[in-house]
């Protein structure tokens, strides 16, 4: 990747905090980050890929494929599922995602015939 214009936009700390407060990483703590990085040692990923997983908290295989370069050649489906399990089990989703999950679980329960 080549940087075309390093100074095309400047961000203030306020704008950065505002953006971060809308992402899943706002619920992370140093302990969670340490646990995540320890769990990621078994996955053969670059430091940059691990950082992107930590920052973005992917929840689908497609998101993993967008983050991990050449994932089709480097990872099997089982490895992708294991990676997703590691990400979703360690990194907090945040109250909105948990509430959305609970709402969809209730909706699925209501759809099932008795």
C-alpha atoms as a PDB file:
ATOM      1  CA  UNK A   1       0.000   0.000   0.000  1.00  0.00           C
ATOM      2  CA  UNK A   2       1.288   3.447  -0.878  1.00  0.00           C
ATOM      3  CA  UNK A   3       0.393   6.634   0.993  1.00  0.00           C
ATOM      4  CA  UNK A   4      -0.581   9.223  -1.613  1.00  0.00           C
ATOM      5  CA  UNK A   5      -1.064  12.249   0.631  1.00  0.00           C
ATOM      6  CA  UNK A   6      -0.111  11.835   4.264  1.00  0.00           C
ATOM      7  CA  UNK A   7      -1.650  15.174   5.253  1.00  0.00           C
ATOM      8  CA  UNK A   8      -4.928  15.019   3.345  1.00  0.00           C
ATOM      9  CA  UNK A   9      -6.949  15.224   6.557  1.00  0.00           C
ATOM     10  CA  UNK A  10      -6.127  16.019  10.139  1.00  0.00           C
ATOM     11  CA  UNK A  11      -8.204  14.781  13.040  1.00  0.00           C
ATOM     12  CA  UNK A  12      -8.534  16.319  16.424  1.00  0.00           C
ATOM     13  CA  UNK A  13      -8.538  14.097  19.489  1.00  0.00           C
ATOM     14  CA  UNK A  14     -12.217  14.935  19.961  1.00  0.00           C
ATOM     15  CA  UNK A  15     -13.133  13.600  16.499  1.00  0.00           C
ATOM     16  CA  UNK A  16     -11.092  10.455  17.156  1.00  0.00           C
ATOM     17  CA  UNK A  17     -12.781   9.842  20.512  1.00  0.00           C
ATOM     18  CA  UNK A  18     -16.181  10.435  18.940  1.00  0.00           C
ATOM     19  CA  UNK A  19     -15.453   7.794  16.288  1.00  0.00           C
ATOM     20  CA  UNK A  20     -14.026   5.254  18.750  1.00  0.00           C
ATOM     21  CA  UNK A  21     -16.999   5.663  21.069  1.00  0.00           C
ATOM     22  CA  UNK A  22     -19.177   4.204  18.284  1.00  0.00           C
ATOM     23  CA  UNK A  23     -17.064   1.077  17.755  1.00  0.00           C
ATOM     24  CA  UNK A  24     -16.971  -2.239  19.667  1.00  0.00           C
ATOM     25  CA  UNK A  25     -13.491  -1.461  21.013  1.00  0.00           C
ATOM     26  CA  UNK A  26     -14.942   1.092  23.452  1.00  0.00           C
ATOM     27  CA  UNK A  27     -15.912  -1.828  25.736  1.00  0.00           C
ATOM     28  CA  UNK A  28     -12.405  -3.305  25.854  1.00  0.00           C
ATOM     29  CA  UNK A  29     -10.069  -3.218  28.824  1.00  0.00           C
ATOM     30  CA  UNK A  30      -6.338  -3.939  29.137  1.00  0.00           C
ATOM     31  CA  UNK A  31      -7.190  -7.377  30.550  1.00  0.00           C
ATOM     32  CA  UNK A  32      -9.430  -8.216  27.572  1.00  0.00           C
ATOM     33  CA  UNK A  33      -6.768  -7.069  25.095  1.00  0.00           C
ATOM     34  CA  UNK A  34      -4.126  -9.182  26.877  1.00  0.00           C
ATOM     35  CA  UNK A  35      -6.409 -12.246  26.886  1.00  0.00           C
ATOM     36  CA  UNK A  36      -7.219 -11.748  23.203  1.00  0.00           C
ATOM     37  CA  UNK A  37      -3.579 -11.403  22.158  1.00  0.00           C
ATOM     38  CA  UNK A  38      -2.650 -14.488  24.175  1.00  0.00           C
ATOM     39  CA  UNK A  39      -5.422 -16.486  22.496  1.00  0.00           C
ATOM     40  CA  UNK A  40      -4.311 -15.222  19.068  1.00  0.00           C
ATOM     41  CA  UNK A  41      -0.837 -16.787  19.438  1.00  0.00           C
ATOM     42  CA  UNK A  42      -2.202 -20.078  18.116  1.00  0.00           C
ATOM     43  CA  UNK A  43      -3.459 -18.376  14.932  1.00  0.00           C
ATOM     44  CA  UNK A  44      -0.899 -17.694  12.233  1.00  0.00           C
ATOM     45  CA  UNK A  45      -1.714 -14.062  11.538  1.00  0.00           C
ATOM     46  CA  UNK A  46       0.362 -10.917  11.147  1.00  0.00           C
ATOM     47  CA  UNK A  47       0.489  -8.293  13.888  1.00  0.00           C
ATOM     48  CA  UNK A  48      -1.503  -5.947  11.651  1.00  0.00           C
ATOM     49  CA  UNK A  49      -4.222  -8.565  11.110  1.00  0.00           C
ATOM     50  CA  UNK A  50      -4.475  -9.233  14.844  1.00  0.00           C
ATOM     51  CA  UNK A  51      -4.765  -5.506  15.474  1.00  0.00           C
ATOM     52  CA  UNK A  52      -7.547  -5.192  12.901  1.00  0.00           C
ATOM     53  CA  UNK A  53      -9.412  -8.113  14.477  1.00  0.00           C
ATOM     54  CA  UNK A  54      -9.060  -6.449  17.866  1.00  0.00           C
ATOM     55  CA  UNK A  55     -10.261  -3.079  16.570  1.00  0.00           C
ATOM     56  CA  UNK A  56     -13.139  -4.263  14.375  1.00  0.00           C
ATOM     57  CA  UNK A  57     -14.387  -7.414  16.188  1.00  0.00           C
ATOM     58  CA  UNK A  58     -15.587  -9.274  13.062  1.00  0.00           C
ATOM     59  CA  UNK A  59     -18.622 -11.494  13.516  1.00  0.00           C
ATOM     60  CA  UNK A  60     -18.787 -13.268  10.145  1.00  0.00           C
ATOM     61  CA  UNK A  61     -16.460 -15.269   7.907  1.00  0.00           C
ATOM     62  CA  UNK A  62     -16.786 -12.578   5.233  1.00  0.00           C
ATOM     63  CA  UNK A  63     -15.439  -9.964   7.633  1.00  0.00           C
ATOM     64  CA  UNK A  64     -12.511 -12.254   8.458  1.00  0.00           C
ATOM     65  CA  UNK A  65     -11.776 -12.650   4.745  1.00  0.00           C
ATOM     66  CA  UNK A  66     -11.725  -8.863   4.335  1.00  0.00           C
ATOM     67  CA  UNK A  67      -9.269  -8.443   7.206  1.00  0.00           C
ATOM     68  CA  UNK A  68      -6.938 -11.412   6.645  1.00  0.00           C
ATOM     69  CA  UNK A  69      -4.905 -11.014   3.492  1.00  0.00           C
ATOM     70  CA  UNK A  70      -5.136 -14.038   1.152  1.00  0.00           C
ATOM     71  CA  UNK A  71      -7.353 -15.801   3.687  1.00  0.00           C
ATOM     72  CA  UNK A  72      -8.583 -18.327   1.119  1.00  0.00           C
ATOM     73  CA  UNK A  73      -5.040 -19.661   0.706  1.00  0.00           C
ATOM     74  CA  UNK A  74      -3.938 -19.267   4.325  1.00  0.00           C
ATOM     75  CA  UNK A  75      -6.960 -20.413   6.324  1.00  0.00           C
ATOM     76  CA  UNK A  76      -9.297 -23.392   6.160  1.00  0.00           C
ATOM     77  CA  UNK A  77     -12.987 -23.039   6.973  1.00  0.00           C
ATOM     78  CA  UNK A  78     -12.326 -24.674  10.346  1.00  0.00           C
ATOM     79  CA  UNK A  79      -9.580 -22.155  11.103  1.00  0.00           C
ATOM     80  CA  UNK A  80     -11.882 -19.272  10.182  1.00  0.00           C
ATOM     81  CA  UNK A  81     -14.592 -20.651  12.471  1.00  0.00           C
ATOM     82  CA  UNK A  82     -12.047 -21.076  15.285  1.00  0.00           C
ATOM     83  CA  UNK A  83     -10.874 -17.520  14.723  1.00  0.00           C
ATOM     84  CA  UNK A  84     -14.453 -16.225  14.829  1.00  0.00           C
ATOM     85  CA  UNK A  85     -15.074 -18.167  18.024  1.00  0.00           C
ATOM     86  CA  UNK A  86     -11.960 -16.667  19.621  1.00  0.00           C
ATOM     87  CA  UNK A  87     -12.947 -13.135  18.597  1.00  0.00           C
ATOM     88  CA  UNK A  88     -16.588 -13.357  19.662  1.00  0.00           C
ATOM     89  CA  UNK A  89     -15.931 -15.218  22.902  1.00  0.00           C
ATOM     90  CA  UNK A  90     -13.221 -12.883  24.192  1.00  0.00           C
ATOM     91  CA  UNK A  91     -13.997  -9.444  22.798  1.00  0.00           C
ATOM     92  CA  UNK A  92     -17.112  -7.747  24.207  1.00  0.00           C
ATOM     93  CA  UNK A  93     -19.840  -6.953  21.697  1.00  0.00           C
ATOM     94  CA  UNK A  94     -21.286  -4.054  23.620  1.00  0.00           C
ATOM     95  CA  UNK A  95     -24.772  -3.576  25.025  1.00  0.00           C
ATOM     96  CA  UNK A  96     -26.394  -2.797  21.643  1.00  0.00           C
ATOM     97  CA  UNK A  97     -25.230  -6.034  20.012  1.00  0.00           C
ATOM     98  CA  UNK A  98     -26.187  -8.096  23.051  1.00  0.00           C
ATOM     99  CA  UNK A  99     -29.645  -6.539  23.109  1.00  0.00           C
ATOM    100  CA  UNK A 100     -30.023  -7.133  19.362  1.00  0.00           C
ATOM    101  CA  UNK A 101     -28.973 -10.783  19.848  1.00  0.00           C
ATOM    102  CA  UNK A 102     -31.444 -11.235  22.715  1.00  0.00           C
ATOM    103  CA  UNK A 103     -34.227  -9.701  20.595  1.00  0.00           C
ATOM    104  CA  UNK A 104     -33.484 -12.051  17.690  1.00  0.00           C
ATOM    105  CA  UNK A 105     -33.353 -15.047  20.067  1.00  0.00           C
ATOM    106  CA  UNK A 106     -36.804 -14.149  21.406  1.00  0.00           C
ATOM    107  CA  UNK A 107     -38.148 -13.700  17.876  1.00  0.00           C
ATOM    108  CA  UNK A 108     -36.799 -17.115  16.864  1.00  0.00           C
ATOM    109  CA  UNK A 109     -38.358 -18.728  19.938  1.00  0.00           C
ATOM    110  CA  UNK A 110     -41.721 -17.214  19.045  1.00  0.00           C
ATOM    111  CA  UNK A 111     -41.504 -18.526  15.471  1.00  0.00           C
ATOM    112  CA  UNK A 112     -40.919 -22.139  16.541  1.00  0.00           C
ATOM    113  CA  UNK A 113     -44.100 -24.247  16.612  1.00  0.00           C
ATOM    114  CA  UNK A 114     -45.121 -25.598  19.995  1.00  0.00           C
END
